């Protein structure tokens, strides 16, 4: 009678492609998680840290590019209905958390349009 083996040995060789695939997928997932973490850190470094300091950098841009107070208010009303965690303007650093609301409040009070000199 053959001695019982505690190892799978030859019988497990058919599973090798599957286990190799799982190992490769696990490596990909870990590498992707690391990349996402690095990207999130870089984005967090791009966020506005002092909203009051940022205001002076935003006034002229918004006053010159927003055509009217009516258009501005329409945009603000639509944006306020959204659940925004991060606002990423094309011209400045990111606004996140409470700074999103601060931006909308500030923008709502800003006079804009062609009549601004």
C-alpha atoms as a PDB file:
ATOM      1  CA  UNK A   1       0.000   0.000   0.000  1.00  0.00           C
ATOM      2  CA  UNK A   2       1.447   3.403  -0.990  1.00  0.00           C
ATOM      3  CA  UNK A   3       2.297   5.828   1.747  1.00  0.00           C
ATOM      4  CA  UNK A   4      -0.262   8.713   1.894  1.00  0.00           C
ATOM      5  CA  UNK A   5       1.148  12.087   0.853  1.00  0.00           C
ATOM      6  CA  UNK A   6       0.375  15.314   2.664  1.00  0.00           C
ATOM      7  CA  UNK A   7       1.288  17.326  -0.397  1.00  0.00           C
ATOM      8  CA  UNK A   8      -0.736  17.733  -3.547  1.00  0.00           C
ATOM      9  CA  UNK A   9       2.294  17.312  -5.786  1.00  0.00           C
ATOM     10  CA  UNK A  10       1.554  16.279  -9.347  1.00  0.00           C
ATOM     11  CA  UNK A  11      -2.213  16.468  -8.814  1.00  0.00           C
ATOM     12  CA  UNK A  12      -2.022  20.231  -8.169  1.00  0.00           C
ATOM     13  CA  UNK A  13      -0.058  21.110 -11.310  1.00  0.00           C
ATOM     14  CA  UNK A  14      -3.287  21.759 -13.220  1.00  0.00           C
ATOM     15  CA  UNK A  15      -4.091  24.640 -10.866  1.00  0.00           C
ATOM     16  CA  UNK A  16      -0.805  26.429 -11.595  1.00  0.00           C
ATOM     17  CA  UNK A  17      -2.225  28.708 -14.335  1.00  0.00           C
ATOM     18  CA  UNK A  18      -5.064  29.747 -12.048  1.00  0.00           C
ATOM     19  CA  UNK A  19      -2.823  30.478  -9.068  1.00  0.00           C
ATOM     20  CA  UNK A  20      -0.367  32.363 -11.299  1.00  0.00           C
ATOM     21  CA  UNK A  21      -3.255  34.441 -12.634  1.00  0.00           C
ATOM     22  CA  UNK A  22      -4.482  35.205  -9.097  1.00  0.00           C
ATOM     23  CA  UNK A  23      -0.954  36.184  -8.008  1.00  0.00           C
ATOM     24  CA  UNK A  24      -0.570  38.486 -11.008  1.00  0.00           C
ATOM     25  CA  UNK A  25      -3.976  40.067 -10.410  1.00  0.00           C
ATOM     26  CA  UNK A  26      -3.168  40.605  -6.723  1.00  0.00           C
ATOM     27  CA  UNK A  27       0.086  42.343  -7.680  1.00  0.00           C
ATOM     28  CA  UNK A  28      -1.800  44.588 -10.112  1.00  0.00           C
ATOM     29  CA  UNK A  29      -4.360  45.492  -7.441  1.00  0.00           C
ATOM     30  CA  UNK A  30      -1.646  46.367  -4.914  1.00  0.00           C
ATOM     31  CA  UNK A  31       0.234  48.486  -7.477  1.00  0.00           C
ATOM     32  CA  UNK A  32      -2.971  50.282  -8.449  1.00  0.00           C
ATOM     33  CA  UNK A  33      -3.814  50.968  -4.792  1.00  0.00           C
ATOM     34  CA  UNK A  34      -0.352  52.477  -4.302  1.00  0.00           C
ATOM     35  CA  UNK A  35      -0.769  54.647  -7.409  1.00  0.00           C
ATOM     36  CA  UNK A  36      -4.217  55.839  -6.285  1.00  0.00           C
ATOM     37  CA  UNK A  37      -2.810  56.708  -2.871  1.00  0.00           C
ATOM     38  CA  UNK A  38       0.028  58.699  -4.430  1.00  0.00           C
ATOM     39  CA  UNK A  39      -2.344  60.551  -6.759  1.00  0.00           C
ATOM     40  CA  UNK A  40      -4.717  61.350  -3.892  1.00  0.00           C
ATOM     41  CA  UNK A  41      -1.810  62.752  -1.893  1.00  0.00           C
ATOM     42  CA  UNK A  42      -0.704  64.922  -4.816  1.00  0.00           C
ATOM     43  CA  UNK A  43      -4.263  66.211  -5.276  1.00  0.00           C
ATOM     44  CA  UNK A  44      -4.533  67.021  -1.581  1.00  0.00           C
ATOM     45  CA  UNK A  45      -1.381  69.121  -1.892  1.00  0.00           C
ATOM     46  CA  UNK A  46      -3.070  71.117  -4.641  1.00  0.00           C
ATOM     47  CA  UNK A  47      -5.988  72.159  -2.454  1.00  0.00           C
ATOM     48  CA  UNK A  48      -6.441  75.702  -1.221  1.00  0.00           C
ATOM     49  CA  UNK A  49      -5.252  75.980   2.365  1.00  0.00           C
ATOM     50  CA  UNK A  50      -6.306  79.572   3.064  1.00  0.00           C
ATOM     51  CA  UNK A  51      -9.491  80.580   1.274  1.00  0.00           C
ATOM     52  CA  UNK A  52      -9.214  84.261   2.236  1.00  0.00           C
ATOM     53  CA  UNK A  53      -5.764  84.429   0.661  1.00  0.00           C
ATOM     54  CA  UNK A  54      -7.095  82.915  -2.562  1.00  0.00           C
ATOM     55  CA  UNK A  55      -9.836  85.550  -3.036  1.00  0.00           C
ATOM     56  CA  UNK A  56      -7.548  88.260  -4.385  1.00  0.00           C
ATOM     57  CA  UNK A  57      -6.294  85.836  -7.009  1.00  0.00           C
ATOM     58  CA  UNK A  58      -9.829  85.072  -8.204  1.00  0.00           C
ATOM     59  CA  UNK A  59     -11.557  88.463  -8.397  1.00  0.00           C
ATOM     60  CA  UNK A  60     -10.345  89.725 -11.759  1.00  0.00           C
ATOM     61  CA  UNK A  61     -10.692  86.367 -13.515  1.00  0.00           C
ATOM     62  CA  UNK A  62     -14.319  85.952 -12.482  1.00  0.00           C
ATOM     63  CA  UNK A  63     -15.256  89.564 -13.106  1.00  0.00           C
ATOM     64  CA  UNK A  64     -13.878  89.414 -16.639  1.00  0.00           C
ATOM     65  CA  UNK A  65     -15.047  85.954 -17.680  1.00  0.00           C
ATOM     66  CA  UNK A  66     -18.553  85.751 -16.205  1.00  0.00           C
ATOM     67  CA  UNK A  67     -20.850  87.620 -18.613  1.00  0.00           C
ATOM     68  CA  UNK A  68     -23.560  88.674 -16.164  1.00  0.00           C
ATOM     69  CA  UNK A  69     -24.808  88.393 -12.621  1.00  0.00           C
ATOM     70  CA  UNK A  70     -27.845  86.523 -13.942  1.00  0.00           C
ATOM     71  CA  UNK A  71     -25.669  83.864 -15.620  1.00  0.00           C
ATOM     72  CA  UNK A  72     -23.516  83.657 -12.498  1.00  0.00           C
ATOM     73  CA  UNK A  73     -26.529  83.162 -10.239  1.00  0.00           C
ATOM     74  CA  UNK A  74     -27.985  80.514 -12.535  1.00  0.00           C
ATOM     75  CA  UNK A  75     -24.704  78.582 -12.382  1.00  0.00           C
ATOM     76  CA  UNK A  76     -24.498  78.931  -8.584  1.00  0.00           C
ATOM     77  CA  UNK A  77     -28.074  77.713  -8.145  1.00  0.00           C
ATOM     78  CA  UNK A  78     -27.361  74.600 -10.238  1.00  0.00           C
ATOM     79  CA  UNK A  79     -24.069  73.857  -8.479  1.00  0.00           C
ATOM     80  CA  UNK A  80     -25.572  74.245  -5.000  1.00  0.00           C
ATOM     81  CA  UNK A  81     -27.919  71.347  -5.797  1.00  0.00           C
ATOM     82  CA  UNK A  82     -24.949  68.999  -6.241  1.00  0.00           C
ATOM     83  CA  UNK A  83     -23.073  67.148  -3.515  1.00  0.00           C
ATOM     84  CA  UNK A  84     -19.571  68.420  -4.276  1.00  0.00           C
ATOM     85  CA  UNK A  85     -16.573  67.204  -2.300  1.00  0.00           C
ATOM     86  CA  UNK A  86     -13.899  68.822  -4.467  1.00  0.00           C
ATOM     87  CA  UNK A  87     -14.212  71.687  -6.937  1.00  0.00           C
ATOM     88  CA  UNK A  88     -11.403  71.735  -9.483  1.00  0.00           C
ATOM     89  CA  UNK A  89     -11.303  75.070 -11.306  1.00  0.00           C
ATOM     90  CA  UNK A  90      -9.209  75.396 -14.438  1.00  0.00           C
ATOM     91  CA  UNK A  91      -7.401  78.486 -13.178  1.00  0.00           C
ATOM     92  CA  UNK A  92      -6.485  77.814  -9.550  1.00  0.00           C
ATOM     93  CA  UNK A  93      -5.964  75.286  -6.823  1.00  0.00           C
ATOM     94  CA  UNK A  94      -8.663  72.841  -5.716  1.00  0.00           C
ATOM     95  CA  UNK A  95     -11.434  73.753  -3.296  1.00  0.00           C
ATOM     96  CA  UNK A  96     -12.494  70.954  -0.996  1.00  0.00           C
ATOM     97  CA  UNK A  97     -14.783  70.504   1.965  1.00  0.00           C
ATOM     98  CA  UNK A  98     -16.113  73.744   3.434  1.00  0.00           C
ATOM     99  CA  UNK A  99     -14.141  75.783   0.885  1.00  0.00           C
ATOM    100  CA  UNK A 100     -16.583  74.691  -1.837  1.00  0.00           C
ATOM    101  CA  UNK A 101     -19.395  76.478   0.026  1.00  0.00           C
ATOM    102  CA  UNK A 102     -17.104  79.427   0.804  1.00  0.00           C
ATOM    103  CA  UNK A 103     -16.341  79.748  -2.898  1.00  0.00           C
ATOM    104  CA  UNK A 104     -20.027  79.697  -3.866  1.00  0.00           C
ATOM    105  CA  UNK A 105     -20.883  82.256  -1.148  1.00  0.00           C
ATOM    106  CA  UNK A 106     -18.012  84.509  -2.247  1.00  0.00           C
ATOM    107  CA  UNK A 107     -18.892  84.163  -5.918  1.00  0.00           C
ATOM    108  CA  UNK A 108     -22.546  84.918  -5.239  1.00  0.00           C
ATOM    109  CA  UNK A 109     -21.585  88.259  -3.671  1.00  0.00           C
ATOM    110  CA  UNK A 110     -19.122  89.199  -6.436  1.00  0.00           C
ATOM    111  CA  UNK A 111     -20.371  91.694  -9.011  1.00  0.00           C
ATOM    112  CA  UNK A 112     -19.538  90.477 -12.494  1.00  0.00           C
ATOM    113  CA  UNK A 113     -20.387  91.213 -16.102  1.00  0.00           C
ATOM    114  CA  UNK A 114     -19.741  93.713 -18.830  1.00  0.00           C
ATOM    115  CA  UNK A 115     -20.663  96.668 -16.623  1.00  0.00           C
ATOM    116  CA  UNK A 116     -17.689  96.024 -14.305  1.00  0.00           C
ATOM    117  CA  UNK A 117     -14.854  98.438 -15.045  1.00  0.00           C
END
